[in-house]
C-alpha atoms as a PDB file:
ATOM      1  CA  MET A   1      -3.175  26.072  -1.210  1.00  0.00           C
ATOM      2  CA  ILE A   2      -0.625  23.652   0.056  1.00  0.00           C
ATOM      3  CA  THR A   3      -1.643  22.385   3.487  1.00  0.00           C
ATOM      4  CA  SER A   4       1.231  21.861   6.150  1.00  0.00           C
ATOM      5  CA  ASP A   5      -0.317  18.631   6.972  1.00  0.00           C
ATOM      6  CA  PRO A   6      -0.702  16.572   3.402  1.00  0.00           C
ATOM      7  CA  LYS A   7      -3.410  14.474   2.883  1.00  0.00           C
ATOM      8  CA  ALA A   8      -1.030  11.975   1.759  1.00  0.00           C
ATOM      9  CA  ARG A   9       2.624  11.337   0.353  1.00  0.00           C
ATOM     10  CA  LEU A  10       2.875  10.667  -3.144  1.00  0.00           C
ATOM     11  CA  LEU A  11       5.757   9.665  -5.421  1.00  0.00           C
ATOM     12  CA  LEU A  12       5.768  10.700  -9.252  1.00  0.00           C
ATOM     13  CA  VAL A  13       7.704   8.827 -11.532  1.00  0.00           C
ATOM     14  CA  GLU A  14       7.592  11.071 -14.944  1.00  0.00           C
ATOM     15  CA  ASP A  15      10.394  11.603 -17.270  1.00  0.00           C
ATOM     16  CA  ASP A  16       8.242  14.144 -19.094  1.00  0.00           C
ATOM     17  CA  ARG A  17       9.497  17.508 -17.075  1.00  0.00           C
ATOM     18  CA  ARG A  18       6.186  19.857 -18.323  1.00  0.00           C
ATOM     19  CA  LEU A  19       3.797  17.093 -17.774  1.00  0.00           C
ATOM     20  CA  ALA A  20       5.246  16.191 -14.066  1.00  0.00           C
ATOM     21  CA  GLU A  21       5.358  20.058 -13.093  1.00  0.00           C
ATOM     22  CA  LEU A  22       1.524  20.315 -14.027  1.00  0.00           C
ATOM     23  CA  VAL A  23       0.681  17.019 -12.244  1.00  0.00           C
ATOM     24  CA  GLN A  24       2.908  18.230  -9.150  1.00  0.00           C
ATOM     25  CA  LEU A  25       1.438  21.623  -8.735  1.00  0.00           C
ATOM     26  CA  TYR A  26      -2.429  20.274  -9.275  1.00  0.00           C
ATOM     27  CA  LEU A  27      -1.955  17.770  -6.577  1.00  0.00           C
ATOM     28  CA  ARG A  28      -0.161  19.902  -4.310  1.00  0.00           C
ATOM     29  CA  GLU A  29      -3.035  22.405  -4.667  1.00  0.00           C
ATOM     30  CA  GLN A  30      -5.218  19.891  -3.582  1.00  0.00           C
ATOM     31  CA  GLY A  31      -3.390  19.216  -0.519  1.00  0.00           C
ATOM     32  CA  TYR A  32      -0.955  16.369  -1.299  1.00  0.00           C
ATOM     33  CA  PHE A  33       2.868  16.140  -0.881  1.00  0.00           C
ATOM     34  CA  VAL A  34       4.156  15.165  -4.102  1.00  0.00           C
ATOM     35  CA  HIS A  35       7.958  14.066  -4.505  1.00  0.00           C
ATOM     36  CA  TRP A  36       8.790  13.598  -8.273  1.00  0.00           C
ATOM     37  CA  VAL A  37      11.712  11.566  -9.962  1.00  0.00           C
ATOM     38  CA  ALA A  38      12.472  11.415 -13.623  1.00  0.00           C
ATOM     39  CA  ASN A  39      14.221   8.162 -13.423  1.00  0.00           C
ATOM     40  CA  GLY A  40      13.404   4.822 -12.773  1.00  0.00           C
ATOM     41  CA  SER A  41      16.526   3.712 -10.945  1.00  0.00           C
ATOM     42  CA  ARG A  42      15.725   5.774  -8.265  1.00  0.00           C
ATOM     43  CA  VAL A  43      12.350   4.661  -7.639  1.00  0.00           C
ATOM     44  CA  LEU A  44      13.038   1.532  -5.278  1.00  0.00           C
ATOM     45  CA  PRO A  45      15.328   3.438  -3.047  1.00  0.00           C
ATOM     46  CA  LEU A  46      12.754   6.450  -2.831  1.00  0.00           C
ATOM     47  CA  ALA A  47       9.707   3.925  -2.198  1.00  0.00           C
ATOM     48  CA  ARG A  48      11.905   2.318   0.767  1.00  0.00           C
ATOM     49  CA  GLU A  49      13.072   6.049   1.990  1.00  0.00           C
ATOM     50  CA  LEU A  50       9.906   8.083   1.603  1.00  0.00           C
ATOM     51  CA  GLN A  51       7.211   5.314   2.346  1.00  0.00           C
ATOM     52  CA  PRO A  52       4.995   7.140   0.014  1.00  0.00           C
ATOM     53  CA  ASP A  53       1.150   6.144   0.206  1.00  0.00           C
ATOM     54  CA  LEU A  54       1.055   5.987  -3.482  1.00  0.00           C
ATOM     55  CA  ILE A  55       3.174   6.026  -6.521  1.00  0.00           C
ATOM     56  CA  ILE A  56       2.312   7.486  -9.751  1.00  0.00           C
ATOM     57  CA  LEU A  57       4.250   5.364 -12.377  1.00  0.00           C
ATOM     58  CA  ASP A  58       4.807   6.352 -16.223  1.00  0.00           C
ATOM     59  CA  LEU A  59       5.809   3.149 -18.117  1.00  0.00           C
ATOM     60  CA  MET A  60       8.132   5.036 -20.797  1.00  0.00           C
ATOM     61  CA  LEU A  61      11.226   5.728 -18.803  1.00  0.00           C
ATOM     62  CA  PRO A  62      14.521   6.627 -20.162  1.00  0.00           C
ATOM     63  CA  ASP A  63      16.524   4.336 -18.222  1.00  0.00           C
ATOM     64  CA  THR A  64      14.476   1.459 -17.089  1.00  0.00           C
ATOM     65  CA  ASP A  65      11.495  -0.811 -18.465  1.00  0.00           C
ATOM     66  CA  GLY A  66       8.322   0.330 -16.602  1.00  0.00           C
ATOM     67  CA  PHE A  67       6.852  -2.874 -16.643  1.00  0.00           C
ATOM     68  CA  THR A  68      10.161  -4.511 -14.977  1.00  0.00           C
ATOM     69  CA  LEU A  69       9.753  -1.754 -12.335  1.00  0.00           C
ATOM     70  CA  CYS A  70       6.172  -1.996 -11.742  1.00  0.00           C
ATOM     71  CA  SER A  71       6.862  -5.948 -10.907  1.00  0.00           C
ATOM     72  CA  GLN A  72       9.604  -5.052  -8.645  1.00  0.00           C
ATOM     73  CA  LEU A  73       7.370  -2.685  -7.080  1.00  0.00           C
ATOM     74  CA  ALA A  74       4.775  -5.228  -6.390  1.00  0.00           C
ATOM     75  CA  GLU A  75       7.439  -7.248  -4.373  1.00  0.00           C
ATOM     76  CA  GLN A  76       9.309  -4.511  -2.838  1.00  0.00           C
ATOM     77  CA  TYR A  77       6.563  -2.017  -2.076  1.00  0.00           C
ATOM     78  CA  ASP A  78       3.484  -2.104   0.254  1.00  0.00           C
ATOM     79  CA  GLY A  79       1.239   0.453  -1.097  1.00  0.00           C
ATOM     80  CA  PRO A  80      -0.697   0.990  -4.162  1.00  0.00           C
ATOM     81  CA  VAL A  81       0.941   1.763  -7.635  1.00  0.00           C
ATOM     82  CA  LEU A  82      -1.022   4.005 -10.457  1.00  0.00           C
ATOM     83  CA  ILE A  83       0.212   3.693 -13.880  1.00  0.00           C
ATOM     84  CA  LEU A  84      -0.010   6.882 -15.698  1.00  0.00           C
ATOM     85  CA  SER A  85       1.058   5.871 -19.591  1.00  0.00           C
ATOM     86  CA  ALA A  86       0.475   6.813 -23.380  1.00  0.00           C
ATOM     87  CA  LEU A  87       0.483   3.304 -23.902  1.00  0.00           C
ATOM     88  CA  SER A  88      -3.137   2.852 -24.517  1.00  0.00           C
ATOM     89  CA  ASN A  89      -3.269  -0.898 -25.846  1.00  0.00           C
ATOM     90  CA  SER A  90      -5.486  -2.946 -23.959  1.00  0.00           C
ATOM     91  CA  ARG A  91      -2.711  -5.538 -23.707  1.00  0.00           C
ATOM     92  CA  ASP A  92      -0.484  -3.094 -21.941  1.00  0.00           C
ATOM     93  CA  GLN A  93      -3.264  -2.125 -19.526  1.00  0.00           C
ATOM     94  CA  ILE A  94      -3.729  -5.858 -18.930  1.00  0.00           C
ATOM     95  CA  GLN A  95      -0.008  -6.586 -18.349  1.00  0.00           C
ATOM     96  CA  GLY A  96       0.276  -3.348 -16.263  1.00  0.00           C
ATOM     97  CA  LEU A  97      -2.441  -4.545 -13.889  1.00  0.00           C
ATOM     98  CA  ASN A  98      -1.433  -8.234 -13.994  1.00  0.00           C
ATOM     99  CA  LEU A  99       1.950  -7.246 -12.608  1.00  0.00           C
ATOM    100  CA  GLY A 100       0.595  -5.629  -9.720  1.00  0.00           C
ATOM    101  CA  ALA A 101      -0.621  -1.913 -10.375  1.00  0.00           C
ATOM    102  CA  ALA A 102      -3.928  -1.100  -8.645  1.00  0.00           C
ATOM    103  CA  ASP A 103      -5.134   1.157 -11.574  1.00  0.00           C
ATOM    104  CA  TYR A 104      -3.943   2.166 -15.156  1.00  0.00           C
ATOM    105  CA  VAL A 105      -4.804   5.828 -16.492  1.00  0.00           C
ATOM    106  CA  VAL A 106      -4.005   6.361 -20.067  1.00  0.00           C
ATOM    107  CA  LYS A 107      -2.569   9.817 -21.012  1.00  0.00           C
ATOM    108  CA  PRO A 108      -3.941  12.694 -21.716  1.00  0.00           C
ATOM    109  CA  VAL A 109      -5.817  12.557 -18.456  1.00  0.00           C
ATOM    110  CA  GLU A 110      -8.052  15.203 -17.010  1.00  0.00           C
ATOM    111  CA  PRO A 111      -6.701  16.506 -13.729  1.00  0.00           C
ATOM    112  CA  GLU A 112      -9.871  16.123 -12.048  1.00  0.00           C
ATOM    113  CA  LEU A 113     -10.168  12.248 -13.187  1.00  0.00           C
ATOM    114  CA  LEU A 114      -6.477  11.573 -12.200  1.00  0.00           C
ATOM    115  CA  LEU A 115      -7.364  13.093  -8.713  1.00  0.00           C
ATOM    116  CA  ALA A 116     -10.386  10.796  -8.316  1.00  0.00           C
ATOM    117  CA  ARG A 117      -8.325   7.638  -9.285  1.00  0.00           C
ATOM    118  CA  ILE A 118      -5.846   8.744  -6.566  1.00  0.00           C
ATOM    119  CA  GLU A 119      -8.580   9.436  -4.129  1.00  0.00           C
ATOM    120  CA  ASN A 120     -10.026   5.999  -4.546  1.00  0.00           C
ATOM    121  CA  LEU A 121      -7.235   3.852  -4.166  1.00  0.00           C
ATOM    122  CA  LEU A 122      -6.126   5.640  -0.928  1.00  0.00           C
ATOM    123  CA  ARG A 123      -9.647   4.906   0.456  1.00  0.00           C
ATOM    124  CA  ARG A 124      -9.050   1.528  -0.066  1.00  0.00           C
ATOM    125  CA  GLN A 125      -5.927   1.833   2.052  1.00  0.00           C
ATOM    126  CA  ASN A 126      -7.449   3.187   4.894  1.00  0.00           C
ATOM    127  CA  ARG A 127     -10.674   0.836   5.421  1.00  0.00           C
ATOM    128  CA  ALA A 128      -9.855   0.030   9.007  1.00  0.00           C
ATOM    129  CA  PRO A 129     -11.926   1.849  11.705  1.00  0.00           C
ATOM    130  CA  LEU A 130     -10.377   4.699  13.289  1.00  0.00           C
ATOM    131  CA  SER A 131     -12.347   5.430  16.405  1.00  0.00           C
ATOM    132  CA  THR A 132     -11.406   3.336  19.163  1.00  0.00           C
ATOM    133  CA  LYS A 133      -8.477   1.353  20.703  1.00  0.00           C
ATOM    134  CA  LEU A 134      -7.771  -2.352  20.869  1.00  0.00           C
ATOM    135  CA  GLN A 135      -5.315  -3.985  23.472  1.00  0.00           C
ATOM    136  CA  PHE A 136      -4.558  -7.491  23.947  1.00  0.00           C
ATOM    137  CA  GLY A 137      -1.833  -7.624  26.630  1.00  0.00           C
ATOM    138  CA  SER A 138       1.253  -5.286  25.955  1.00  0.00           C
ATOM    139  CA  LEU A 139      -0.318  -4.781  22.258  1.00  0.00           C
ATOM    140  CA  VAL A 140      -2.517  -1.575  21.851  1.00  0.00           C
ATOM    141  CA  LEU A 141      -3.489  -0.403  18.583  1.00  0.00           C
ATOM    142  CA  ASN A 142      -4.856   3.203  18.360  1.00  0.00           C
ATOM    143  CA  GLY A 143      -7.262   3.706  15.692  1.00  0.00           C
ATOM    144  CA  ASP A 144      -7.360   7.329  16.034  1.00  0.00           C
ATOM    145  CA  THR A 145      -3.586   7.869  15.359  1.00  0.00           C
ATOM    146  CA  ARG A 146      -3.191   4.770  13.398  1.00  0.00           C
ATOM    147  CA  THR A 147      -0.236   3.750  15.719  1.00  0.00           C
ATOM    148  CA  VAL A 148       0.981   0.549  17.503  1.00  0.00           C
ATOM    149  CA  GLU A 149       2.634  -0.159  20.800  1.00  0.00           C
ATOM    150  CA  PHE A 150       4.080  -3.486  21.892  1.00  0.00           C
ATOM    151  CA  GLN A 151       5.702  -4.231  25.229  1.00  0.00           C
ATOM    152  CA  ALA A 152       5.535  -0.169  25.666  1.00  0.00           C
ATOM    153  CA  LYS A 153       7.678   0.881  22.516  1.00  0.00           C
ATOM    154  CA  GLU A 154       6.149   2.147  19.337  1.00  0.00           C
ATOM    155  CA  VAL A 155       6.166  -0.326  16.531  1.00  0.00           C
ATOM    156  CA  ALA A 156       6.680   1.415  13.049  1.00  0.00           C
ATOM    157  CA  LEU A 157       3.977   0.150  10.502  1.00  0.00           C
ATOM    158  CA  THR A 158       3.100   1.395   7.123  1.00  0.00           C
ATOM    159  CA  SER A 159      -0.492   2.227   6.282  1.00  0.00           C
ATOM    160  CA  ASN A 160      -1.234  -1.094   4.835  1.00  0.00           C
ATOM    161  CA  GLU A 161       0.375  -3.186   7.613  1.00  0.00           C
ATOM    162  CA  PHE A 162      -1.559  -1.105  10.158  1.00  0.00           C
ATOM    163  CA  ALA A 163      -4.930  -1.786   8.464  1.00  0.00           C
ATOM    164  CA  LEU A 164      -3.996  -5.624   8.311  1.00  0.00           C
ATOM    165  CA  LEU A 165      -3.114  -5.711  11.480  1.00  0.00           C
ATOM    166  CA  TRP A 166      -6.387  -3.906  12.656  1.00  0.00           C
ATOM    167  CA  THR A 167      -8.730  -6.170  10.493  1.00  0.00           C
ATOM    168  CA  LEU A 168      -6.778  -9.437  12.065  1.00  0.00           C
ATOM    169  CA  ALA A 169      -6.895  -7.804  15.793  1.00  0.00           C
ATOM    170  CA  SER A 170     -10.689  -6.455  15.183  1.00  0.00           C
ATOM    171  CA  GLN A 171     -11.790 -10.310  14.821  1.00  0.00           C
ATOM    172  CA  ALA A 172      -9.225 -11.936  17.001  1.00  0.00           C
ATOM    173  CA  GLY A 173      -9.769 -15.541  17.483  1.00  0.00           C
ATOM    174  CA  LYS A 174     -11.321 -15.943  13.822  1.00  0.00           C
ATOM    175  CA  ALA A 175      -9.531 -17.640  10.974  1.00  0.00           C
ATOM    176  CA  LEU A 176     -10.028 -14.940   8.019  1.00  0.00           C
ATOM    177  CA  SER A 177      -9.503 -16.286   4.662  1.00  0.00           C
ATOM    178  CA  ARG A 178      -7.419 -14.847   1.835  1.00  0.00           C
ATOM    179  CA  ASP A 179     -10.465 -13.913  -0.172  1.00  0.00           C
ATOM    180  CA  TYR A 180     -11.936 -12.079   2.617  1.00  0.00           C
ATOM    181  CA  LEU A 181      -8.611 -10.227   3.272  1.00  0.00           C
ATOM    182  CA  TYR A 182      -8.149  -9.455  -0.346  1.00  0.00           C
ATOM    183  CA  GLU A 183     -11.285  -8.174  -0.986  1.00  0.00           C
ATOM    184  CA  SER A 184     -11.589  -6.083   2.229  1.00  0.00           C
ATOM    185  CA  LEU A 185      -7.863  -4.376   2.056  1.00  0.00           C
ATOM    186  CA  LEU A 186      -6.922  -4.741  -1.381  1.00  0.00           C
ATOM    187  CA  GLY A 187     -10.171  -4.173  -3.062  1.00  0.00           C
ATOM    188  CA  PHE A 188      -9.901  -7.325  -5.678  1.00  0.00           C
ATOM    189  CA  SER A 189     -10.359 -10.962  -5.121  1.00  0.00           C
ATOM    190  CA  TYR A 190      -7.624 -13.165  -4.751  1.00  0.00           C
ATOM    191  CA  ASP A 191      -6.111 -15.103  -7.834  1.00  0.00           C
ATOM    192  CA  GLY A 192      -4.568 -17.740  -6.173  1.00  0.00           C
ATOM    193  CA  SER A 193      -0.950 -16.654  -7.079  1.00  0.00           C
ATOM    194  CA  ASP A 194      -0.515 -13.074  -5.516  1.00  0.00           C
ATOM    195  CA  ARG A 195       1.767 -12.949  -3.011  1.00  0.00           C
ATOM    196  CA  LYS A 196       1.187  -9.470  -1.314  1.00  0.00           C
ATOM    197  CA  LEU A 197      -0.952 -10.579   1.468  1.00  0.00           C
ATOM    198  CA  ASP A 198       1.738 -13.435   2.520  1.00  0.00           C
ATOM    199  CA  GLN A 199       4.618 -10.687   2.336  1.00  0.00           C
ATOM    200  CA  ARG A 200       2.693  -8.223   4.545  1.00  0.00           C
ATOM    201  CA  ILE A 201       1.766 -10.939   7.192  1.00  0.00           C
ATOM    202  CA  SER A 202       5.566 -11.711   7.129  1.00  0.00           C
ATOM    203  CA  ARG A 203       6.752  -7.992   7.786  1.00  0.00           C
ATOM    204  CA  LEU A 204       4.121  -7.915  10.522  1.00  0.00           C
ATOM    205  CA  ARG A 205       5.523 -11.070  12.250  1.00  0.00           C
ATOM    206  CA  LYS A 206       9.179  -9.527  12.050  1.00  0.00           C
ATOM    207  CA  LYS A 207       8.125  -6.222  13.364  1.00  0.00           C
ATOM    208  CA  LEU A 208       5.928  -7.734  16.295  1.00  0.00           C
ATOM    209  CA  GLY A 209       8.461 -10.487  17.204  1.00  0.00           C
ATOM    210  CA  ASP A 210       6.637 -13.425  16.271  1.00  0.00           C
ATOM    211  CA  ASP A 211       8.393 -16.602  14.982  1.00  0.00           C
ATOM    212  CA  SER A 212       8.413 -17.085  11.273  1.00  0.00           C
ATOM    213  CA  ASP A 213       8.728 -20.576  11.659  1.00  0.00           C
ATOM    214  CA  SER A 214       6.564 -21.098  14.276  1.00  0.00           C
ATOM    215  CA  PRO A 215       4.056 -18.354  14.588  1.00  0.00           C
ATOM    216  CA  THR A 216       2.189 -18.271  17.654  1.00  0.00           C
ATOM    217  CA  ARG A 217       0.712 -14.410  17.506  1.00  0.00           C
ATOM    218  CA  ILE A 218      -0.528 -14.233  14.010  1.00  0.00           C
ATOM    219  CA  LYS A 219      -1.021 -17.907  12.906  1.00  0.00           C
ATOM    220  CA  THR A 220      -1.640 -19.563   9.531  1.00  0.00           C
ATOM    221  CA  ILE A 221      -4.519 -21.701   9.659  1.00  0.00           C
ATOM    222  CA  TRP A 222      -4.062 -23.736   6.520  1.00  0.00           C
ATOM    223  CA  GLY A 223      -6.866 -23.935   4.267  1.00  0.00           C
ATOM    224  CA  HIS A 224      -8.631 -20.948   6.177  1.00  0.00           C
ATOM    225  CA  GLY A 225      -6.492 -18.159   6.333  1.00  0.00           C
ATOM    226  CA  TYR A 226      -4.859 -16.070   9.213  1.00  0.00           C
ATOM    227  CA  LEU A 227      -5.783 -16.054  12.815  1.00  0.00           C
ATOM    228  CA  PHE A 228      -4.803 -13.245  15.198  1.00  0.00           C
ATOM    229  CA  ALA A 229      -4.414 -15.081  18.572  1.00  0.00           C
ATOM    230  CA  PRO A 230      -5.425 -12.867  21.287  1.00  0.00           C
ATOM    231  CA  ASP A 231      -3.869 -14.344  24.431  1.00  0.00           C
ATOM    232  CA  SER A 232      -0.377 -14.492  22.913  1.00  0.00           C
ATOM    233  CA  TRP A 233       0.224 -10.811  23.647  1.00  0.00           C
ATOM    234  CA  LEU A 234       2.336 -10.601  26.715  1.00  0.00           C
END
Protein backbone atom coordinates (compact mmCIF):
# COMPACT_ATOMS: atom_id res chain seq x y z
CA MET A 1 0.00 0.00 0.00
CA ILE A 2 1.29 3.45 -0.91
CA THR A 3 1.43 5.84 2.03
CA SER A 4 0.40 9.48 1.74
CA ASP A 5 3.60 10.44 3.52
CA PRO A 6 6.36 8.55 1.67
CA LYS A 7 9.44 7.21 3.41
CA ALA A 8 11.62 8.96 0.83
CA ARG A 9 11.54 10.42 -2.67
CA LEU A 10 13.35 8.38 -5.31
CA LEU A 11 14.23 9.21 -8.92
CA LEU A 12 14.42 6.10 -11.13
CA VAL A 13 16.40 6.47 -14.37
CA GLU A 14 15.69 3.42 -16.54
CA ASP A 15 14.94 3.06 -20.26
CA ASP A 16 13.47 -0.45 -19.97
CA ARG A 17 9.78 0.35 -19.48
CA ARG A 18 8.82 -3.09 -18.20
CA LEU A 19 11.59 -3.18 -15.61
CA ALA A 20 10.91 0.41 -14.59
CA GLU A 21 7.23 -0.34 -14.03
CA LEU A 22 8.05 -3.38 -11.88
CA VAL A 23 10.62 -1.49 -9.78
CA GLN A 24 8.32 1.51 -9.44
CA LEU A 25 5.37 -0.65 -8.34
CA TYR A 26 7.41 -2.62 -5.82
CA LEU A 27 9.02 0.44 -4.23
CA ARG A 28 5.73 2.29 -4.06
CA GLU A 29 4.23 -0.71 -2.26
CA GLN A 30 7.06 -0.35 0.26
CA GLY A 31 6.04 3.24 0.95
CA TYR A 32 8.34 5.21 -1.36
CA PHE A 33 7.55 7.97 -3.83
CA VAL A 34 9.14 7.03 -7.17
CA HIS A 35 9.44 9.33 -10.17
CA TRP A 36 10.49 7.48 -13.32
CA VAL A 37 12.35 8.94 -16.28
CA ALA A 38 13.67 7.04 -19.32
CA ASN A 39 15.99 9.69 -20.80
CA GLY A 40 19.28 10.76 -19.28
CA SER A 41 18.94 14.31 -20.61
CA ARG A 42 16.14 14.97 -18.13
CA VAL A 43 17.95 13.74 -15.04
CA LEU A 44 19.93 16.82 -13.98
CA PRO A 45 16.95 19.21 -14.28
CA LEU A 46 14.73 16.74 -12.40
CA ALA A 47 17.34 16.27 -9.68
CA ARG A 48 17.31 20.03 -9.11
CA GLU A 49 13.52 20.28 -9.29
CA LEU A 50 12.49 17.23 -7.26
CA GLN A 51 15.40 17.13 -4.79
CA PRO A 52 15.06 13.33 -4.48
CA ASP A 53 16.57 11.56 -1.49
CA LEU A 54 18.19 8.98 -3.79
CA ILE A 55 18.67 8.37 -7.52
CA ILE A 56 18.61 4.89 -9.08
CA LEU A 57 20.63 5.15 -12.30
CA ASP A 58 20.86 2.79 -15.26
CA LEU A 59 24.08 3.22 -17.22
CA MET A 60 22.89 2.09 -20.65
CA LEU A 61 20.62 4.95 -21.63
CA PRO A 62 19.53 5.76 -25.21
CA ASP A 63 20.58 9.41 -25.23
CA THR A 64 23.28 9.78 -22.58
CA ASP A 65 26.43 7.99 -21.46
CA GLY A 66 25.60 6.74 -17.99
CA PHE A 67 29.13 7.15 -16.66
CA THR A 68 29.20 10.78 -17.79
CA LEU A 69 25.84 11.36 -16.14
CA CYS A 70 27.06 9.75 -12.93
CA SER A 71 30.02 12.12 -12.88
CA GLN A 72 27.77 15.13 -13.50
CA LEU A 73 25.45 14.07 -10.68
CA ALA A 74 28.41 13.81 -8.31
CA GLU A 75 29.12 17.49 -9.00
CA GLN A 76 25.56 18.83 -8.94
CA TYR A 77 23.42 16.49 -6.83
CA ASP A 78 23.78 16.17 -3.08
CA GLY A 79 22.24 12.74 -2.45
CA PRO A 80 23.36 9.16 -3.08
CA VAL A 81 23.34 7.59 -6.55
CA LEU A 82 22.71 3.85 -6.77
CA ILE A 83 23.74 2.40 -10.12
CA LEU A 84 21.47 -0.41 -11.36
CA SER A 85 23.06 -1.84 -14.49
CA ALA A 86 23.48 -4.97 -16.58
CA LEU A 87 27.17 -4.08 -16.91
CA SER A 88 28.67 -6.66 -14.58
CA ASN A 89 32.37 -6.28 -15.39
CA SER A 90 34.40 -5.35 -12.33
CA ARG A 91 36.02 -2.48 -14.27
CA ASP A 92 32.60 -0.95 -14.91
CA GLN A 93 31.68 -1.28 -11.25
CA ILE A 94 34.93 0.30 -10.12
CA GLN A 95 34.52 3.13 -12.62
CA GLY A 96 30.97 3.85 -11.44
CA LEU A 97 32.01 3.94 -7.80
CA ASN A 98 35.05 6.09 -8.56
CA LEU A 99 32.80 8.57 -10.40
CA GLY A 100 30.76 9.11 -7.26
CA ALA A 101 28.09 6.40 -7.11
CA ALA A 102 27.32 5.31 -3.56
CA ASP A 103 26.53 1.71 -4.58
CA TYR A 104 26.46 -0.50 -7.68
CA VAL A 105 23.89 -3.27 -8.17
CA VAL A 106 24.06 -5.66 -11.13
CA LYS A 107 20.90 -6.69 -13.01
CA PRO A 108 18.99 -8.86 -12.61
CA VAL A 109 18.47 -8.23 -8.90
CA GLU A 110 15.93 -9.52 -6.43
CA PRO A 111 13.54 -6.74 -5.36
CA GLU A 112 14.26 -7.39 -1.68
CA LEU A 113 17.99 -6.94 -2.22
CA LEU A 114 17.46 -3.70 -4.17
CA LEU A 115 15.25 -2.44 -1.35
CA ALA A 116 17.89 -3.35 1.26
CA ARG A 117 20.57 -1.46 -0.68
CA ILE A 118 18.31 1.59 -0.99
CA GLU A 119 17.44 1.61 2.70
CA ASN A 120 21.09 1.18 3.68
CA LEU A 121 22.05 4.27 1.66
CA LEU A 122 19.16 6.29 3.07
CA ARG A 123 20.18 5.38 6.63
CA ARG A 124 23.62 6.84 5.94
CA GLN A 125 21.97 10.10 4.89
CA ASN A 126 20.07 10.46 8.16
CA ARG A 127 22.64 9.83 10.86
CA ALA A 128 22.11 13.15 12.63
CA PRO A 129 20.32 12.86 15.99
CA LEU A 130 16.63 13.70 15.70
CA SER A 131 15.48 14.27 19.26
CA THR A 132 16.33 17.81 20.25
CA LYS A 133 17.02 21.38 19.22
CA LEU A 134 20.25 23.28 18.90
CA GLN A 135 20.29 27.07 19.12
CA PHE A 136 23.09 29.57 18.63
CA GLY A 137 21.90 33.17 18.66
CA SER A 138 19.30 33.48 15.90
CA LEU A 139 20.17 30.08 14.39
CA VAL A 140 17.83 27.26 15.42
CA LEU A 141 18.19 23.65 14.31
CA ASN A 142 15.18 21.41 14.98
CA GLY A 143 16.16 17.75 15.01
CA ASP A 144 12.58 16.50 15.14
CA THR A 145 11.49 18.22 11.94
CA ARG A 146 14.97 18.53 10.39
CA THR A 147 14.39 22.23 9.76
CA VAL A 148 16.58 25.29 10.23
CA GLU A 149 15.66 28.88 11.04
CA PHE A 150 18.09 31.77 10.86
CA GLN A 151 17.14 35.32 11.81
CA ALA A 152 13.49 34.19 12.12
CA LYS A 153 13.39 32.83 8.55
CA GLU A 154 13.35 29.19 7.52
CA VAL A 155 16.39 28.11 5.53
CA ALA A 156 15.72 25.49 2.85
CA LEU A 157 18.36 22.76 3.22
CA THR A 158 18.64 19.35 1.62
CA SER A 159 18.74 16.37 3.97
CA ASN A 160 22.49 16.08 3.40
CA GLU A 161 23.08 19.76 4.13
CA PHE A 162 21.05 19.49 7.32
CA ALA A 163 23.02 16.42 8.43
CA LEU A 164 26.31 18.25 7.85
CA LEU A 165 25.17 21.39 9.68
CA TRP A 166 23.85 19.34 12.60
CA THR A 167 27.12 17.40 12.85
CA LEU A 168 29.16 20.61 12.90
CA ALA A 169 26.82 22.43 15.31
CA SER A 170 26.58 19.51 17.74
CA GLN A 171 30.34 19.82 18.21
CA ALA A 172 30.48 23.62 18.05
CA GLY A 173 33.90 25.15 18.59
CA LYS A 174 35.71 21.95 17.61
CA ALA A 175 37.50 21.47 14.30
CA LEU A 176 36.18 18.32 12.63
CA SER A 177 38.49 16.64 10.14
CA ARG A 178 37.52 15.69 6.62
CA ASP A 179 38.17 12.05 7.50
CA TYR A 180 35.71 12.23 10.40
CA LEU A 181 33.04 14.02 8.36
CA TYR A 182 33.35 11.64 5.40
CA GLU A 183 33.07 8.57 7.62
CA SER A 184 30.19 10.04 9.65
CA LEU A 185 28.12 11.48 6.82
CA LEU A 186 29.07 9.61 3.66
CA GLY A 187 30.09 6.23 5.02
CA PHE A 188 33.48 6.06 3.31
CA SER A 189 36.98 7.41 3.86
CA TYR A 190 38.22 10.66 2.37
CA ASP A 191 40.51 9.87 -0.58
CA GLY A 192 42.16 13.26 -0.81
CA SER A 193 40.43 14.34 -4.02
CA ASP A 194 36.65 13.99 -3.54
CA ARG A 195 34.93 17.40 -3.45
CA LYS A 196 31.47 16.48 -2.14
CA LEU A 197 32.13 17.82 1.36
CA ASP A 198 33.67 21.09 0.15
CA GLN A 199 30.74 21.67 -2.20
CA ARG A 200 28.28 21.00 0.62
CA ILE A 201 30.12 23.43 2.92
CA SER A 202 30.07 26.07 0.18
CA ARG A 203 26.30 25.72 -0.27
CA LEU A 204 25.72 25.90 3.49
CA ARG A 205 27.75 29.10 3.75
CA LYS A 206 25.79 30.67 0.90
CA LYS A 207 22.41 29.76 2.38
CA LEU A 208 23.40 30.96 5.84
CA GLY A 209 24.91 34.26 4.73
CA ASP A 210 28.51 33.38 5.52
CA ASP A 211 31.26 35.10 3.54
CA SER A 212 32.73 32.49 1.19
CA ASP A 213 36.03 34.37 0.91
CA SER A 214 36.42 35.00 4.63
CA PRO A 215 33.91 32.80 6.49
CA THR A 216 33.26 33.50 10.16
CA ARG A 217 30.42 31.06 10.89
CA ILE A 218 31.65 27.82 9.34
CA LYS A 219 35.40 28.22 9.30
CA THR A 220 38.04 26.30 7.42
CA ILE A 221 40.84 25.35 9.80
CA TRP A 222 43.68 24.47 7.47
CA GLY A 223 45.13 21.07 8.24
CA HIS A 224 42.32 20.29 10.69
CA GLY A 225 39.00 20.52 8.85
CA TYR A 226 35.92 22.65 9.50
CA LEU A 227 34.75 24.44 12.63
CA PHE A 228 31.28 25.72 13.56
CA ALA A 229 31.77 29.03 15.40
CA PRO A 230 29.07 29.14 18.13
CA ASP A 231 29.30 32.88 18.87
CA SER A 232 28.88 34.12 15.28
CA TRP A 233 25.12 33.62 14.81
CA LEU A 234 23.64 36.98 15.78
